[in-house]
Amino acid sequence: MRESIIKTPLLLLSRPVFSFTLNISNAIRILSAVVLVIASNALSYSQTAVYVSPSGKDSYPGTFRKPYASIERARAEARQNKHILNIYLKQGTYYLHAPVIFTAEDSRYDNAPLAIRAVSGEKVKVSGAVLLKLKWSSFKNGIWQARVERDMYFDQLFVNGKLQRMARYPNYNPK
């Protein structure tokens, strides 16, 4: 079996300083080792992104095209990835069912940052409110009413982003 030989001069100011001889199989082994070292360093220090969208699904992989649906799911992913991580929120309103709590379990290796931010140029709202899907009907004298399906106590009602005066009992009279 014939082995190929690479003879490479090293240049300094356009003059050969010395040359070395390397057979192809050793060159491939060395090159593979160098690539492996570079790739492992790049993976351990590379920036990772996770995406979330109100129209996503928590069963998705959290990519730009298939984002998670909840900040909570992104936080759970962050607990698995202890390196640099950016959680990008796509445009929309995120309704939280409970507070998102970060603990020591969410700490990163080597003080790597964990950032939660909006996708550039997109408007994001994170809300502790509950979205009500109501069917409004006219009651009388300009009063509108809607049935709330579950037991819920609240002291503020917003309709299309505007705070509404709520009915008071018994028959509130401000005078």
N, C-alpha and C. Protein backbone atom coordinates (compact mmCIF):
# COMPACT_ATOMS: atom_id res chain seq x y z
N MET A 1 0.85 -1.18 0.00
CA MET A 1 0.00 0.00 0.00
C MET A 1 0.89 1.24 0.00
N ARG A 2 0.59 2.15 -0.87
CA ARG A 2 1.39 3.36 -1.01
C ARG A 2 0.75 4.48 -0.21
N GLU A 3 1.51 5.16 0.62
CA GLU A 3 0.99 6.30 1.38
C GLU A 3 1.37 7.57 0.69
N SER A 4 0.40 8.49 0.65
CA SER A 4 0.69 9.80 0.08
C SER A 4 1.39 10.65 1.12
N ILE A 5 2.24 11.51 0.67
CA ILE A 5 3.01 12.39 1.54
C ILE A 5 2.69 13.83 1.18
N ILE A 6 2.48 14.67 2.22
CA ILE A 6 2.31 16.11 2.01
C ILE A 6 3.58 16.76 2.50
N LYS A 7 4.20 17.54 1.65
CA LYS A 7 5.39 18.29 2.04
C LYS A 7 5.01 19.76 1.96
N THR A 8 5.01 20.45 3.11
CA THR A 8 4.53 21.82 3.17
C THR A 8 5.59 22.75 3.71
N PRO A 9 5.99 23.75 2.93
CA PRO A 9 6.91 24.74 3.47
C PRO A 9 6.12 25.77 4.28
N LEU A 10 6.66 26.20 5.42
CA LEU A 10 6.06 27.28 6.19
C LEU A 10 6.75 28.56 5.77
N LEU A 11 5.95 29.57 5.48
CA LEU A 11 6.51 30.81 4.94
C LEU A 11 6.52 31.90 5.99
N LEU A 12 7.63 32.67 5.97
CA LEU A 12 7.74 33.85 6.81
C LEU A 12 8.34 34.93 5.94
N LEU A 13 7.60 35.98 5.69
CA LEU A 13 8.04 37.05 4.80
C LEU A 13 8.43 36.48 3.43
N SER A 14 7.61 35.56 2.92
CA SER A 14 7.77 34.96 1.59
C SER A 14 9.02 34.11 1.44
N ARG A 15 9.67 33.71 2.53
CA ARG A 15 10.82 32.83 2.46
C ARG A 15 10.54 31.57 3.26
N PRO A 16 10.87 30.40 2.74
CA PRO A 16 10.66 29.19 3.53
C PRO A 16 11.58 29.19 4.75
N VAL A 17 11.02 28.87 5.91
CA VAL A 17 11.80 28.78 7.14
C VAL A 17 12.21 27.33 7.35
N PHE A 18 11.23 26.43 7.25
CA PHE A 18 11.53 25.02 7.31
C PHE A 18 10.36 24.29 6.69
N SER A 19 10.51 23.02 6.44
CA SER A 19 9.41 22.23 5.92
C SER A 19 9.31 20.97 6.75
N PHE A 20 8.13 20.36 6.69
CA PHE A 20 7.94 19.11 7.42
C PHE A 20 7.19 18.14 6.53
N THR A 21 7.31 16.86 6.87
CA THR A 21 6.67 15.82 6.09
C THR A 21 5.62 15.15 6.95
N LEU A 22 4.45 14.93 6.36
CA LEU A 22 3.33 14.37 7.10
C LEU A 22 2.60 13.40 6.20
N ASN A 23 2.37 12.17 6.67
CA ASN A 23 1.62 11.26 5.79
C ASN A 23 0.12 11.57 5.92
N ILE A 24 -0.67 11.17 4.93
CA ILE A 24 -2.08 11.54 4.82
C ILE A 24 -2.90 11.00 6.00
N SER A 25 -2.69 9.77 6.42
CA SER A 25 -3.50 9.21 7.50
C SER A 25 -3.27 9.96 8.80
N ASN A 26 -2.03 10.36 9.10
CA ASN A 26 -1.76 11.16 10.30
C ASN A 26 -2.36 12.55 10.17
N ALA A 27 -2.30 13.12 8.97
CA ALA A 27 -2.87 14.45 8.75
C ALA A 27 -4.37 14.44 9.00
N ILE A 28 -5.03 13.38 8.56
CA ILE A 28 -6.48 13.28 8.76
C ILE A 28 -6.80 13.13 10.24
N ARG A 29 -6.01 12.34 10.97
CA ARG A 29 -6.22 12.17 12.41
C ARG A 29 -6.04 13.51 13.15
N ILE A 30 -4.98 14.22 12.81
CA ILE A 30 -4.71 15.51 13.46
C ILE A 30 -5.81 16.51 13.13
N LEU A 31 -6.20 16.57 11.86
CA LEU A 31 -7.25 17.49 11.44
C LEU A 31 -8.57 17.15 12.14
N SER A 32 -8.90 15.87 12.26
CA SER A 32 -10.13 15.46 12.95
C SER A 32 -10.10 15.88 14.41
N ALA A 33 -8.96 15.71 15.06
CA ALA A 33 -8.83 16.10 16.46
C ALA A 33 -9.01 17.61 16.63
N VAL A 34 -8.40 18.39 15.73
CA VAL A 34 -8.52 19.85 15.80
C VAL A 34 -9.97 20.28 15.59
N VAL A 35 -10.64 19.68 14.61
CA VAL A 35 -12.04 20.01 14.35
C VAL A 35 -12.90 19.65 15.56
N LEU A 36 -12.65 18.51 16.17
CA LEU A 36 -13.41 18.09 17.34
C LEU A 36 -13.23 19.06 18.50
N VAL A 37 -12.01 19.49 18.74
CA VAL A 37 -11.74 20.45 19.83
C VAL A 37 -12.44 21.77 19.55
N ILE A 38 -12.33 22.26 18.33
CA ILE A 38 -12.98 23.53 17.98
C ILE A 38 -14.49 23.41 18.11
N ALA A 39 -15.06 22.32 17.61
CA ALA A 39 -16.52 22.13 17.67
C ALA A 39 -17.00 22.02 19.11
N SER A 40 -16.28 21.28 19.95
CA SER A 40 -16.74 21.14 21.34
C SER A 40 -16.65 22.47 22.08
N ASN A 41 -15.61 23.25 21.81
CA ASN A 41 -15.52 24.58 22.43
C ASN A 41 -16.64 25.48 21.92
N ALA A 42 -16.92 25.41 20.63
CA ALA A 42 -17.98 26.25 20.07
C ALA A 42 -19.33 25.87 20.66
N LEU A 43 -19.58 24.57 20.85
CA LEU A 43 -20.86 24.15 21.42
C LEU A 43 -20.99 24.56 22.87
N SER A 44 -19.91 24.45 23.63
CA SER A 44 -20.02 24.76 25.04
C SER A 44 -20.10 26.26 25.30
N TYR A 45 -19.64 27.08 24.38
CA TYR A 45 -19.69 28.52 24.59
C TYR A 45 -20.56 29.24 23.57
N SER A 46 -21.29 28.49 22.76
CA SER A 46 -22.11 29.13 21.74
C SER A 46 -23.39 29.68 22.36
N GLN A 47 -23.93 30.68 21.72
CA GLN A 47 -25.16 31.29 22.19
C GLN A 47 -26.33 30.47 21.66
N THR A 48 -27.25 30.16 22.52
CA THR A 48 -28.40 29.35 22.16
C THR A 48 -29.65 30.20 22.28
N ALA A 49 -30.57 30.00 21.35
CA ALA A 49 -31.82 30.76 21.35
C ALA A 49 -33.00 29.82 21.44
N VAL A 50 -33.99 30.21 22.25
CA VAL A 50 -35.25 29.51 22.37
C VAL A 50 -36.33 30.54 22.07
N TYR A 51 -37.34 30.14 21.30
CA TYR A 51 -38.40 31.07 20.91
C TYR A 51 -39.74 30.66 21.51
N VAL A 52 -40.54 31.70 21.84
CA VAL A 52 -41.86 31.50 22.43
C VAL A 52 -42.83 32.40 21.66
N SER A 53 -44.04 31.89 21.42
CA SER A 53 -45.06 32.66 20.73
C SER A 53 -46.42 32.30 21.29
N PRO A 54 -47.34 33.29 21.42
CA PRO A 54 -48.69 32.96 21.89
C PRO A 54 -49.38 31.94 20.99
N SER A 55 -48.96 31.84 19.73
CA SER A 55 -49.56 30.87 18.81
C SER A 55 -48.73 29.58 18.70
N GLY A 56 -47.69 29.44 19.53
CA GLY A 56 -46.86 28.24 19.50
C GLY A 56 -47.50 27.10 20.27
N LYS A 57 -46.73 26.03 20.43
CA LYS A 57 -47.18 24.87 21.21
C LYS A 57 -46.02 24.43 22.09
N ASP A 58 -46.31 24.08 23.33
CA ASP A 58 -45.25 23.64 24.23
C ASP A 58 -44.65 22.30 23.82
N SER A 59 -45.31 21.59 22.91
CA SER A 59 -44.76 20.34 22.39
C SER A 59 -43.79 20.59 21.23
N TYR A 60 -43.74 21.81 20.73
CA TYR A 60 -42.79 22.17 19.66
C TYR A 60 -41.38 22.22 20.22
N PRO A 61 -40.36 22.28 19.34
CA PRO A 61 -38.96 22.30 19.81
C PRO A 61 -38.44 23.67 20.27
N GLY A 62 -39.24 24.73 20.17
CA GLY A 62 -38.80 26.05 20.63
C GLY A 62 -37.92 26.78 19.63
N THR A 63 -38.04 26.45 18.36
CA THR A 63 -37.26 27.12 17.31
C THR A 63 -38.04 28.34 16.82
N PHE A 64 -37.41 29.12 15.94
CA PHE A 64 -38.08 30.32 15.40
C PHE A 64 -39.36 29.93 14.67
N ARG A 65 -39.32 28.87 13.89
CA ARG A 65 -40.49 28.44 13.11
C ARG A 65 -41.49 27.62 13.92
N LYS A 66 -41.01 26.94 14.96
CA LYS A 66 -41.88 26.14 15.81
C LYS A 66 -41.61 26.49 17.28
N PRO A 67 -42.13 27.66 17.70
CA PRO A 67 -41.85 28.14 19.07
C PRO A 67 -42.71 27.46 20.11
N TYR A 68 -42.23 27.56 21.37
CA TYR A 68 -43.04 27.13 22.50
C TYR A 68 -44.21 28.09 22.65
N ALA A 69 -45.21 27.70 23.42
CA ALA A 69 -46.36 28.56 23.67
C ALA A 69 -46.23 29.36 24.95
N SER A 70 -45.40 28.88 25.89
CA SER A 70 -45.38 29.54 27.20
C SER A 70 -43.96 29.86 27.67
N ILE A 71 -43.88 30.93 28.44
CA ILE A 71 -42.61 31.32 29.05
C ILE A 71 -42.18 30.22 30.03
N GLU A 72 -43.14 29.60 30.68
CA GLU A 72 -42.84 28.52 31.63
C GLU A 72 -42.13 27.36 30.94
N ARG A 73 -42.56 27.01 29.74
CA ARG A 73 -41.91 25.92 28.99
C ARG A 73 -40.48 26.32 28.61
N ALA A 74 -40.29 27.58 28.23
CA ALA A 74 -38.94 28.06 27.90
C ALA A 74 -38.04 28.03 29.14
N ARG A 75 -38.59 28.38 30.30
CA ARG A 75 -37.82 28.32 31.54
C ARG A 75 -37.41 26.88 31.85
N ALA A 76 -38.32 25.94 31.61
CA ALA A 76 -38.00 24.52 31.83
C ALA A 76 -36.86 24.09 30.90
N GLU A 77 -36.86 24.57 29.69
CA GLU A 77 -35.76 24.28 28.75
C GLU A 77 -34.47 24.91 29.24
N ALA A 78 -34.56 26.11 29.79
CA ALA A 78 -33.38 26.80 30.31
C ALA A 78 -32.73 26.01 31.44
N ARG A 79 -33.53 25.31 32.21
CA ARG A 79 -32.99 24.49 33.30
C ARG A 79 -32.18 23.31 32.77
N GLN A 80 -32.48 22.88 31.55
CA GLN A 80 -31.73 21.77 30.95
C GLN A 80 -30.44 22.26 30.29
N ASN A 81 -30.43 23.52 29.85
CA ASN A 81 -29.28 24.10 29.16
C ASN A 81 -28.64 25.12 30.10
N LYS A 82 -27.51 24.79 30.66
CA LYS A 82 -26.88 25.66 31.67
C LYS A 82 -25.88 26.65 31.07
N HIS A 83 -25.81 26.71 29.74
CA HIS A 83 -24.89 27.64 29.09
C HIS A 83 -25.63 28.93 28.74
N ILE A 84 -25.03 29.77 27.93
CA ILE A 84 -25.67 31.02 27.51
C ILE A 84 -27.00 30.69 26.84
N LEU A 85 -28.06 31.39 27.22
CA LEU A 85 -29.36 31.14 26.63
C LEU A 85 -30.15 32.44 26.52
N ASN A 86 -30.70 32.67 25.34
CA ASN A 86 -31.60 33.79 25.10
C ASN A 86 -32.98 33.22 24.82
N ILE A 87 -33.97 33.68 25.58
CA ILE A 87 -35.35 33.31 25.34
C ILE A 87 -35.99 34.49 24.64
N TYR A 88 -36.38 34.29 23.38
CA TYR A 88 -36.97 35.36 22.58
C TYR A 88 -38.49 35.20 22.55
N LEU A 89 -39.19 36.27 22.93
CA LEU A 89 -40.65 36.28 22.91
C LEU A 89 -41.11 36.94 21.62
N LYS A 90 -41.91 36.20 20.86
CA LYS A 90 -42.47 36.76 19.63
C LYS A 90 -43.67 37.64 19.98
N GLN A 91 -44.07 38.46 19.04
CA GLN A 91 -45.12 39.45 19.27
C GLN A 91 -46.41 38.83 19.79
N GLY A 92 -47.03 39.52 20.76
CA GLY A 92 -48.31 39.09 21.29
C GLY A 92 -48.38 39.31 22.78
N THR A 93 -49.48 38.85 23.37
CA THR A 93 -49.69 38.96 24.81
C THR A 93 -49.57 37.57 25.42
N TYR A 94 -48.76 37.48 26.45
CA TYR A 94 -48.54 36.22 27.17
C TYR A 94 -49.30 36.30 28.49
N TYR A 95 -50.33 35.49 28.64
CA TYR A 95 -51.12 35.47 29.87
C TYR A 95 -50.53 34.41 30.79
N LEU A 96 -50.07 34.86 31.95
CA LEU A 96 -49.47 33.95 32.92
C LEU A 96 -50.55 33.38 33.82
N HIS A 97 -50.53 32.07 34.00
CA HIS A 97 -51.48 31.42 34.91
C HIS A 97 -50.95 31.44 36.34
N ALA A 98 -49.64 31.63 36.45
CA ALA A 98 -48.96 31.71 37.75
C ALA A 98 -47.67 32.50 37.52
N PRO A 99 -47.07 33.03 38.57
CA PRO A 99 -45.80 33.75 38.39
C PRO A 99 -44.71 32.82 37.85
N VAL A 100 -43.83 33.37 37.03
CA VAL A 100 -42.66 32.62 36.57
C VAL A 100 -41.57 32.87 37.61
N ILE A 101 -41.17 31.82 38.30
CA ILE A 101 -40.23 31.96 39.41
C ILE A 101 -38.89 31.35 39.03
N PHE A 102 -37.83 32.15 39.20
CA PHE A 102 -36.47 31.68 38.95
C PHE A 102 -35.81 31.41 40.29
N THR A 103 -35.16 30.27 40.39
CA THR A 103 -34.49 29.86 41.63
C THR A 103 -33.03 29.52 41.33
N ALA A 104 -32.33 29.03 42.32
CA ALA A 104 -30.93 28.61 42.13
C ALA A 104 -30.83 27.52 41.07
N GLU A 105 -31.88 26.76 40.89
CA GLU A 105 -31.91 25.71 39.85
C GLU A 105 -31.74 26.30 38.45
N ASP A 106 -32.04 27.58 38.30
CA ASP A 106 -31.92 28.25 37.01
C ASP A 106 -30.56 28.89 36.79
N SER A 107 -29.64 28.74 37.73
CA SER A 107 -28.30 29.32 37.60
C SER A 107 -27.57 28.72 36.41
N ARG A 108 -26.64 29.47 35.86
CA ARG A 108 -25.90 29.06 34.67
C ARG A 108 -24.47 28.68 35.05
N TYR A 109 -23.80 27.95 34.17
CA TYR A 109 -22.38 27.64 34.34
C TYR A 109 -21.55 28.88 34.04
N ASP A 110 -20.49 29.08 34.76
CA ASP A 110 -19.53 30.17 34.51
C ASP A 110 -20.20 31.52 34.32
N ASN A 111 -21.26 31.77 35.10
CA ASN A 111 -22.00 33.05 35.01
C ASN A 111 -22.51 33.35 33.61
N ALA A 112 -22.80 32.32 32.85
CA ALA A 112 -23.37 32.51 31.51
C ALA A 112 -24.73 33.19 31.65
N PRO A 113 -25.03 34.16 30.80
CA PRO A 113 -26.29 34.88 30.95
C PRO A 113 -27.51 34.09 30.48
N LEU A 114 -28.62 34.38 31.12
CA LEU A 114 -29.94 33.92 30.70
C LEU A 114 -30.75 35.19 30.48
N ALA A 115 -31.19 35.42 29.26
CA ALA A 115 -31.92 36.65 28.95
C ALA A 115 -33.28 36.30 28.36
N ILE A 116 -34.30 37.05 28.79
CA ILE A 116 -35.63 36.93 28.20
C ILE A 116 -35.91 38.28 27.56
N ARG A 117 -36.13 38.28 26.26
CA ARG A 117 -36.34 39.54 25.56
C ARG A 117 -37.28 39.34 24.37
N ALA A 118 -37.82 40.45 23.90
CA ALA A 118 -38.68 40.41 22.72
C ALA A 118 -37.82 40.23 21.47
N VAL A 119 -38.38 39.58 20.48
CA VAL A 119 -37.72 39.53 19.18
C VAL A 119 -37.62 40.96 18.69
N SER A 120 -36.50 41.32 18.12
CA SER A 120 -36.24 42.70 17.70
C SER A 120 -37.38 43.26 16.85
N GLY A 121 -37.88 44.43 17.28
CA GLY A 121 -38.92 45.13 16.54
C GLY A 121 -40.34 44.65 16.82
N GLU A 122 -40.50 43.67 17.69
CA GLU A 122 -41.83 43.14 17.98
C GLU A 122 -42.30 43.61 19.36
N LYS A 123 -43.61 43.82 19.49
CA LYS A 123 -44.19 44.27 20.76
C LYS A 123 -44.73 43.08 21.54
N VAL A 124 -44.30 43.01 22.79
CA VAL A 124 -44.67 41.89 23.65
C VAL A 124 -45.28 42.43 24.93
N LYS A 125 -46.35 41.78 25.41
CA LYS A 125 -46.95 42.09 26.70
C LYS A 125 -46.98 40.80 27.51
N VAL A 126 -46.54 40.90 28.75
CA VAL A 126 -46.65 39.79 29.69
C VAL A 126 -47.68 40.22 30.71
N SER A 127 -48.75 39.45 30.85
CA SER A 127 -49.88 39.88 31.65
C SER A 127 -50.27 38.83 32.68
N GLY A 128 -50.63 39.31 33.86
CA GLY A 128 -51.17 38.44 34.90
C GLY A 128 -52.68 38.39 34.84
N ALA A 129 -53.24 39.04 33.84
CA ALA A 129 -54.69 39.07 33.69
C ALA A 129 -55.20 37.75 33.13
N VAL A 130 -56.51 37.57 33.19
CA VAL A 130 -57.16 36.40 32.61
C VAL A 130 -57.95 36.88 31.40
N LEU A 131 -57.71 36.26 30.27
CA LEU A 131 -58.44 36.62 29.06
C LEU A 131 -59.83 36.00 29.12
N LEU A 132 -60.84 36.84 29.06
CA LEU A 132 -62.22 36.36 29.08
C LEU A 132 -62.77 36.40 27.66
N LYS A 133 -63.35 35.32 27.24
CA LYS A 133 -64.01 35.27 25.93
C LYS A 133 -65.50 35.33 26.20
N LEU A 134 -66.00 36.55 26.17
CA LEU A 134 -67.38 36.80 26.59
C LEU A 134 -68.29 37.09 25.41
N LYS A 135 -69.56 36.79 25.61
CA LYS A 135 -70.58 37.15 24.63
C LYS A 135 -71.40 38.26 25.29
N TRP A 136 -71.22 39.47 24.78
CA TRP A 136 -71.88 40.63 25.36
C TRP A 136 -73.28 40.78 24.77
N SER A 137 -74.20 41.25 25.62
CA SER A 137 -75.55 41.55 25.15
C SER A 137 -76.02 42.84 25.83
N SER A 138 -76.90 43.54 25.14
CA SER A 138 -77.44 44.79 25.67
C SER A 138 -78.44 44.45 26.78
N PHE A 139 -78.32 45.15 27.91
CA PHE A 139 -79.22 44.92 29.03
C PHE A 139 -80.33 45.97 29.01
N LYS A 140 -80.00 47.22 29.37
CA LYS A 140 -80.96 48.32 29.28
C LYS A 140 -80.22 49.63 29.53
N ASN A 141 -80.76 50.72 29.03
CA ASN A 141 -80.22 52.06 29.24
C ASN A 141 -78.70 52.15 28.97
N GLY A 142 -78.24 51.53 27.91
CA GLY A 142 -76.82 51.60 27.56
C GLY A 142 -75.92 50.69 28.39
N ILE A 143 -76.51 49.81 29.18
CA ILE A 143 -75.74 48.88 30.00
C ILE A 143 -75.57 47.57 29.24
N TRP A 144 -74.37 47.06 29.25
CA TRP A 144 -74.07 45.79 28.59
C TRP A 144 -73.77 44.75 29.66
N GLN A 145 -74.08 43.49 29.35
CA GLN A 145 -73.81 42.41 30.30
C GLN A 145 -73.24 41.20 29.59
N ALA A 146 -72.51 40.38 30.37
CA ALA A 146 -71.95 39.13 29.86
C ALA A 146 -71.82 38.15 31.01
N ARG A 147 -72.00 36.90 30.71
CA ARG A 147 -71.89 35.86 31.73
C ARG A 147 -70.45 35.35 31.77
N VAL A 148 -69.89 35.30 32.98
CA VAL A 148 -68.56 34.73 33.20
C VAL A 148 -68.78 33.26 33.53
N GLU A 149 -68.13 32.37 32.78
CA GLU A 149 -68.39 30.94 32.88
C GLU A 149 -67.92 30.29 34.18
N ARG A 150 -66.93 30.83 34.81
CA ARG A 150 -66.43 30.20 36.04
C ARG A 150 -66.42 31.20 37.18
N ASP A 151 -66.32 30.68 38.39
CA ASP A 151 -66.26 31.57 39.55
C ASP A 151 -64.96 32.36 39.49
N MET A 152 -65.11 33.65 39.42
CA MET A 152 -63.94 34.50 39.28
C MET A 152 -64.23 35.82 39.99
N TYR A 153 -63.28 36.24 40.79
CA TYR A 153 -63.40 37.53 41.48
C TYR A 153 -62.37 38.46 40.90
N PHE A 154 -62.80 39.65 40.49
CA PHE A 154 -61.87 40.62 39.93
C PHE A 154 -62.37 42.01 40.24
N ASP A 155 -61.44 42.96 40.27
CA ASP A 155 -61.82 44.33 40.60
C ASP A 155 -61.54 45.31 39.47
N GLN A 156 -61.05 44.80 38.35
CA GLN A 156 -60.84 45.65 37.18
C GLN A 156 -61.25 44.88 35.95
N LEU A 157 -61.86 45.60 35.01
CA LEU A 157 -62.27 45.00 33.75
C LEU A 157 -61.81 45.92 32.62
N PHE A 158 -61.06 45.36 31.69
CA PHE A 158 -60.61 46.10 30.52
C PHE A 158 -61.30 45.53 29.29
N VAL A 159 -61.85 46.39 28.45
CA VAL A 159 -62.44 45.98 27.19
C VAL A 159 -61.71 46.73 26.10
N ASN A 160 -61.09 45.98 25.20
CA ASN A 160 -60.28 46.56 24.12
C ASN A 160 -59.23 47.52 24.67
N GLY A 161 -58.62 47.15 25.78
CA GLY A 161 -57.54 47.94 26.35
C GLY A 161 -57.98 49.11 27.21
N LYS A 162 -59.28 49.33 27.37
CA LYS A 162 -59.77 50.46 28.16
C LYS A 162 -60.43 49.96 29.45
N LEU A 163 -60.05 50.61 30.56
CA LEU A 163 -60.63 50.27 31.85
C LEU A 163 -62.12 50.64 31.84
N GLN A 164 -62.95 49.71 32.26
CA GLN A 164 -64.39 49.93 32.27
C GLN A 164 -64.90 50.07 33.70
N ARG A 165 -65.92 50.88 33.85
CA ARG A 165 -66.58 51.01 35.15
C ARG A 165 -67.47 49.77 35.30
N MET A 166 -67.32 49.13 36.43
CA MET A 166 -68.09 47.91 36.66
C MET A 166 -69.36 48.23 37.43
N ALA A 167 -70.36 47.39 37.25
CA ALA A 167 -71.63 47.57 37.95
C ALA A 167 -71.38 47.46 39.45
N ARG A 168 -72.14 48.26 40.19
CA ARG A 168 -72.00 48.24 41.65
C ARG A 168 -73.34 47.85 42.26
N TYR A 169 -73.26 47.20 43.36
CA TYR A 169 -74.48 46.77 44.03
C TYR A 169 -74.51 47.35 45.42
N PRO A 170 -75.58 47.79 45.92
CA PRO A 170 -76.87 47.96 45.24
C PRO A 170 -76.95 49.35 44.61
N ASN A 171 -77.13 49.39 43.34
CA ASN A 171 -77.40 50.60 42.56
C ASN A 171 -76.59 51.81 43.01
N TYR A 172 -75.32 51.79 42.77
CA TYR A 172 -74.40 52.85 43.17
C TYR A 172 -74.84 54.19 42.62
N ASN A 173 -74.82 55.20 43.46
CA ASN A 173 -75.15 56.57 43.04
C ASN A 173 -74.03 57.47 43.55
N PRO A 174 -73.20 58.03 42.65
CA PRO A 174 -72.06 58.82 43.09
C PRO A 174 -72.44 60.15 43.74
N LYS A 175 -73.71 60.60 43.71
CA LYS A 175 -74.12 61.90 44.26
C LYS A 175 -74.42 61.83 45.71
